[in-house]
Amino acid sequence: MSDLWPQKDLDAALNLAVYNLETCWWENQGGKFIRRSLPIQAQTAPIQGIVCDDFNGDGNMDILMAGNKYGFEVETNPCDSGTGTLLLGDGKGNFTWLDNIFSGFWAMREARDLAMLKGAGGKRFFVVANNNSKVQVFEQ
């Protein structure tokens, strides 16, 4: 770092430490919040948009996510490994990844948000807002 900034500036700077960058969810158990990890497939890139609903009709809440982030400093590489993630819930707080080949959800750009729109006949549309790129729409 001292090659980039003078040492006196580094000595005067606020230093923060991060110990965990995991995407997770928090369960409220009577006012006590329990941290729950998500599968490794939810950890490949920053998550920018999340929609929760029962996507496979089994009565359990599922999670659909999109992300990636390109705009870091010059010395930091982009976080662009995300392809969009569908996690199927078991109703007990556990989630299992459904391969994109089976879900059909491929949000591989720099997603900034994700929304679900409900259409006629129970159809659902998932809109992925991508930074500096076209919007993607997926139908279920």
C-alpha atoms as a PDB file:
ATOM      1  CA  MET A   1       0.000   0.000   0.000  1.00  0.00           C
ATOM      2  CA  SER A   2       2.881   2.374   0.700  1.00  0.00           C
ATOM      3  CA  ASP A   3       3.697   2.232  -3.034  1.00  0.00           C
ATOM      4  CA  LEU A   4       0.309   3.842  -3.688  1.00  0.00           C
ATOM      5  CA  TRP A   5      -0.009   6.325  -0.797  1.00  0.00           C
ATOM      6  CA  PRO A   6       2.503   8.118   1.416  1.00  0.00           C
ATOM      7  CA  GLN A   7       3.145   6.307   4.701  1.00  0.00           C
ATOM      8  CA  LYS A   8       2.061   9.362   6.729  1.00  0.00           C
ATOM      9  CA  ASP A   9      -1.376   9.172   5.050  1.00  0.00           C
ATOM     10  CA  LEU A  10      -1.612   5.445   5.753  1.00  0.00           C
ATOM     11  CA  ASP A  11      -0.667   5.993   9.414  1.00  0.00           C
ATOM     12  CA  ALA A  12      -3.397   8.648   9.766  1.00  0.00           C
ATOM     13  CA  ALA A  13      -6.067   6.636   7.949  1.00  0.00           C
ATOM     14  CA  LEU A  14      -8.914   4.813   9.619  1.00  0.00           C
ATOM     15  CA  ASN A  15      -8.221   1.079   9.408  1.00  0.00           C
ATOM     16  CA  LEU A  16     -11.183  -1.273   9.295  1.00  0.00           C
ATOM     17  CA  ALA A  17     -11.148  -5.061   9.191  1.00  0.00           C
ATOM     18  CA  VAL A  18     -13.683  -7.394   7.631  1.00  0.00           C
ATOM     19  CA  TYR A  19     -13.889 -10.937   8.939  1.00  0.00           C
ATOM     20  CA  ASN A  20     -16.793 -12.298   6.957  1.00  0.00           C
ATOM     21  CA  LEU A  21     -18.168 -11.475   3.501  1.00  0.00           C
ATOM     22  CA  GLU A  22     -20.604 -14.368   3.337  1.00  0.00           C
ATOM     23  CA  THR A  23     -24.116 -13.992   1.945  1.00  0.00           C
ATOM     24  CA  CYS A  24     -26.442 -15.271   4.657  1.00  0.00           C
ATOM     25  CA  TRP A  25     -29.864 -14.774   6.173  1.00  0.00           C
ATOM     26  CA  TRP A  26     -30.979 -14.021   9.722  1.00  0.00           C
ATOM     27  CA  GLU A  27     -33.782 -15.899  11.456  1.00  0.00           C
ATOM     28  CA  ASN A  28     -35.757 -14.159  14.209  1.00  0.00           C
ATOM     29  CA  GLN A  29     -36.354 -16.741  16.943  1.00  0.00           C
ATOM     30  CA  GLY A  30     -38.422 -14.865  19.529  1.00  0.00           C
ATOM     31  CA  GLY A  31     -36.322 -11.695  19.350  1.00  0.00           C
ATOM     32  CA  LYS A  32     -33.004 -13.519  19.116  1.00  0.00           C
ATOM     33  CA  PHE A  33     -31.472 -13.391  15.634  1.00  0.00           C
ATOM     34  CA  ILE A  34     -29.694 -16.513  14.401  1.00  0.00           C
ATOM     35  CA  ARG A  35     -27.281 -16.203  11.473  1.00  0.00           C
ATOM     36  CA  ARG A  36     -27.836 -18.852   8.779  1.00  0.00           C
ATOM     37  CA  SER A  37     -25.328 -19.586   6.030  1.00  0.00           C
ATOM     38  CA  LEU A  38     -26.337 -20.088   2.411  1.00  0.00           C
ATOM     39  CA  PRO A  39     -24.753 -22.628   0.020  1.00  0.00           C
ATOM     40  CA  ILE A  40     -21.417 -21.935  -1.677  1.00  0.00           C
ATOM     41  CA  GLN A  41     -23.177 -21.038  -4.931  1.00  0.00           C
ATOM     42  CA  ALA A  42     -24.492 -17.889  -3.194  1.00  0.00           C
ATOM     43  CA  GLN A  43     -20.924 -16.854  -2.325  1.00  0.00           C
ATOM     44  CA  THR A  44     -19.393 -16.435  -5.800  1.00  0.00           C
ATOM     45  CA  ALA A  45     -20.036 -12.685  -6.167  1.00  0.00           C
ATOM     46  CA  PRO A  46     -21.719  -9.777  -4.350  1.00  0.00           C
ATOM     47  CA  ILE A  47     -25.499 -10.132  -4.290  1.00  0.00           C
ATOM     48  CA  GLN A  48     -27.355  -6.984  -5.391  1.00  0.00           C
ATOM     49  CA  GLY A  49     -30.932  -8.232  -5.748  1.00  0.00           C
ATOM     50  CA  ILE A  50     -32.989 -10.836  -3.883  1.00  0.00           C
ATOM     51  CA  VAL A  51     -36.543 -12.107  -4.376  1.00  0.00           C
ATOM     52  CA  CYS A  52     -38.118 -14.628  -1.997  1.00  0.00           C
ATOM     53  CA  ASP A  53     -41.148 -16.706  -2.970  1.00  0.00           C
ATOM     54  CA  ASP A  54     -42.190 -20.325  -3.467  1.00  0.00           C
ATOM     55  CA  PHE A  55     -40.781 -20.852  -6.970  1.00  0.00           C
ATOM     56  CA  ASN A  56     -41.190 -24.627  -7.239  1.00  0.00           C
ATOM     57  CA  GLY A  57     -44.672 -24.936  -5.684  1.00  0.00           C
ATOM     58  CA  ASP A  58     -43.701 -27.099  -2.710  1.00  0.00           C
ATOM     59  CA  GLY A  59     -45.028 -24.633  -0.106  1.00  0.00           C
ATOM     60  CA  ASN A  60     -41.569 -23.581   1.083  1.00  0.00           C
ATOM     61  CA  MET A  61     -39.888 -20.208   0.655  1.00  0.00           C
ATOM     62  CA  ASP A  62     -37.134 -20.137  -1.988  1.00  0.00           C
ATOM     63  CA  ILE A  63     -34.537 -17.453  -2.778  1.00  0.00           C
ATOM     64  CA  LEU A  64     -33.622 -16.006  -6.190  1.00  0.00           C
ATOM     65  CA  MET A  65     -30.506 -13.789  -6.316  1.00  0.00           C
ATOM     66  CA  ALA A  66     -28.456 -11.791  -8.814  1.00  0.00           C
ATOM     67  CA  GLY A  67     -25.327  -9.696  -8.450  1.00  0.00           C
ATOM     68  CA  ASN A  68     -21.741  -9.098  -9.599  1.00  0.00           C
ATOM     69  CA  LYS A  69     -19.800  -5.865  -9.209  1.00  0.00           C
ATOM     70  CA  TYR A  70     -17.352  -4.398 -11.694  1.00  0.00           C
ATOM     71  CA  GLY A  71     -16.696  -0.869 -10.420  1.00  0.00           C
ATOM     72  CA  PHE A  72     -13.973  -1.286  -7.830  1.00  0.00           C
ATOM     73  CA  GLU A  73     -10.734   0.642  -7.523  1.00  0.00           C
ATOM     74  CA  VAL A  74      -8.005   0.031 -10.095  1.00  0.00           C
ATOM     75  CA  GLU A  75      -6.095  -2.250  -7.737  1.00  0.00           C
ATOM     76  CA  THR A  76      -9.151  -4.449  -7.064  1.00  0.00           C
ATOM     77  CA  ASN A  77     -10.411  -6.952  -9.610  1.00  0.00           C
ATOM     78  CA  PRO A  78     -14.102  -7.099 -10.558  1.00  0.00           C
ATOM     79  CA  CYS A  79     -16.320  -9.587  -8.744  1.00  0.00           C
ATOM     80  CA  ASP A  80     -18.002 -11.138 -11.766  1.00  0.00           C
ATOM     81  CA  SER A  81     -18.419 -14.852 -11.066  1.00  0.00           C
ATOM     82  CA  GLY A  82     -22.154 -14.678 -10.396  1.00  0.00           C
ATOM     83  CA  THR A  83     -24.516 -16.326 -12.863  1.00  0.00           C
ATOM     84  CA  GLY A  84     -27.733 -15.804 -10.904  1.00  0.00           C
ATOM     85  CA  THR A  85     -28.693 -18.193  -8.124  1.00  0.00           C
ATOM     86  CA  LEU A  86     -31.888 -20.046  -7.262  1.00  0.00           C
ATOM     87  CA  LEU A  87     -31.919 -21.679  -3.841  1.00  0.00           C
ATOM     88  CA  LEU A  88     -34.785 -24.036  -2.970  1.00  0.00           C
ATOM     89  CA  GLY A  89     -35.938 -24.036   0.651  1.00  0.00           C
ATOM     90  CA  ASP A  90     -36.943 -27.089   2.658  1.00  0.00           C
ATOM     91  CA  GLY A  91     -39.174 -25.178   5.098  1.00  0.00           C
ATOM     92  CA  LYS A  92     -36.706 -25.742   7.947  1.00  0.00           C
ATOM     93  CA  GLY A  93     -34.302 -22.915   7.095  1.00  0.00           C
ATOM     94  CA  ASN A  94     -32.060 -24.898   4.776  1.00  0.00           C
ATOM     95  CA  PHE A  95     -31.526 -24.073   1.108  1.00  0.00           C
ATOM     96  CA  THR A  96     -30.232 -26.139  -1.801  1.00  0.00           C
ATOM     97  CA  TRP A  97     -28.889 -24.733  -5.055  1.00  0.00           C
ATOM     98  CA  LEU A  98     -30.739 -25.550  -8.267  1.00  0.00           C
ATOM     99  CA  ASP A  99     -28.342 -25.589 -11.221  1.00  0.00           C
ATOM    100  CA  ASN A 100     -28.944 -22.758 -13.707  1.00  0.00           C
ATOM    101  CA  ILE A 101     -29.361 -25.363 -16.439  1.00  0.00           C
ATOM    102  CA  PHE A 102     -32.555 -26.486 -14.692  1.00  0.00           C
ATOM    103  CA  SER A 103     -33.772 -23.105 -13.438  1.00  0.00           C
ATOM    104  CA  GLY A 104     -33.154 -21.260 -16.717  1.00  0.00           C
ATOM    105  CA  PHE A 105     -32.071 -18.202 -14.732  1.00  0.00           C
ATOM    106  CA  TRP A 106     -28.832 -16.728 -16.140  1.00  0.00           C
ATOM    107  CA  ALA A 107     -28.162 -13.271 -14.650  1.00  0.00           C
ATOM    108  CA  MET A 108     -24.494 -13.026 -15.633  1.00  0.00           C
ATOM    109  CA  ARG A 109     -24.110  -9.262 -16.036  1.00  0.00           C
ATOM    110  CA  GLU A 110     -23.607  -6.601 -13.372  1.00  0.00           C
ATOM    111  CA  ALA A 111     -27.073  -6.853 -11.831  1.00  0.00           C
ATOM    112  CA  ARG A 112     -28.138  -3.919  -9.679  1.00  0.00           C
ATOM    113  CA  ASP A 113     -31.597  -5.103  -8.694  1.00  0.00           C
ATOM    114  CA  LEU A 114     -34.046  -7.946  -9.137  1.00  0.00           C
ATOM    115  CA  ALA A 115     -37.842  -7.775  -9.065  1.00  0.00           C
ATOM    116  CA  MET A 116     -40.733 -10.180  -9.564  1.00  0.00           C
ATOM    117  CA  LEU A 117     -43.850  -9.091 -11.442  1.00  0.00           C
ATOM    118  CA  LYS A 118     -47.021 -11.171 -11.378  1.00  0.00           C
ATOM    119  CA  GLY A 119     -48.938 -11.422 -14.640  1.00  0.00           C
ATOM    120  CA  ALA A 120     -52.206 -12.868 -15.838  1.00  0.00           C
ATOM    121  CA  GLY A 121     -52.827 -16.552 -15.292  1.00  0.00           C
ATOM    122  CA  GLY A 122     -50.320 -16.785 -12.437  1.00  0.00           C
ATOM    123  CA  LYS A 123     -47.299 -16.134 -14.652  1.00  0.00           C
ATOM    124  CA  ARG A 124     -44.326 -14.564 -12.972  1.00  0.00           C
ATOM    125  CA  PHE A 125     -41.741 -12.365 -14.627  1.00  0.00           C
ATOM    126  CA  PHE A 126     -38.336 -11.692 -13.111  1.00  0.00           C
ATOM    127  CA  VAL A 127     -36.718  -8.427 -14.129  1.00  0.00           C
ATOM    128  CA  VAL A 128     -32.956  -8.019 -13.704  1.00  0.00           C
ATOM    129  CA  ALA A 129     -31.751  -4.409 -13.864  1.00  0.00           C
ATOM    130  CA  ASN A 130     -28.161  -4.489 -15.134  1.00  0.00           C
ATOM    131  CA  ASN A 131     -25.669  -1.651 -14.765  1.00  0.00           C
ATOM    132  CA  ASN A 132     -24.796  -0.108 -18.160  1.00  0.00           C
ATOM    133  CA  SER A 133     -26.503  -2.979 -19.981  1.00  0.00           C
ATOM    134  CA  LYS A 134     -29.913  -4.181 -21.113  1.00  0.00           C
ATOM    135  CA  VAL A 135     -32.593  -5.249 -18.686  1.00  0.00           C
ATOM    136  CA  GLN A 136     -33.174  -9.016 -18.644  1.00  0.00           C
ATOM    137  CA  VAL A 137     -36.627 -10.563 -18.249  1.00  0.00           C
ATOM    138  CA  PHE A 138     -37.193 -14.202 -17.299  1.00  0.00           C
ATOM    139  CA  GLU A 139     -40.623 -15.845 -17.322  1.00  0.00           C
ATOM    140  CA  GLN A 140     -41.870 -18.629 -15.085  1.00  0.00           C
END
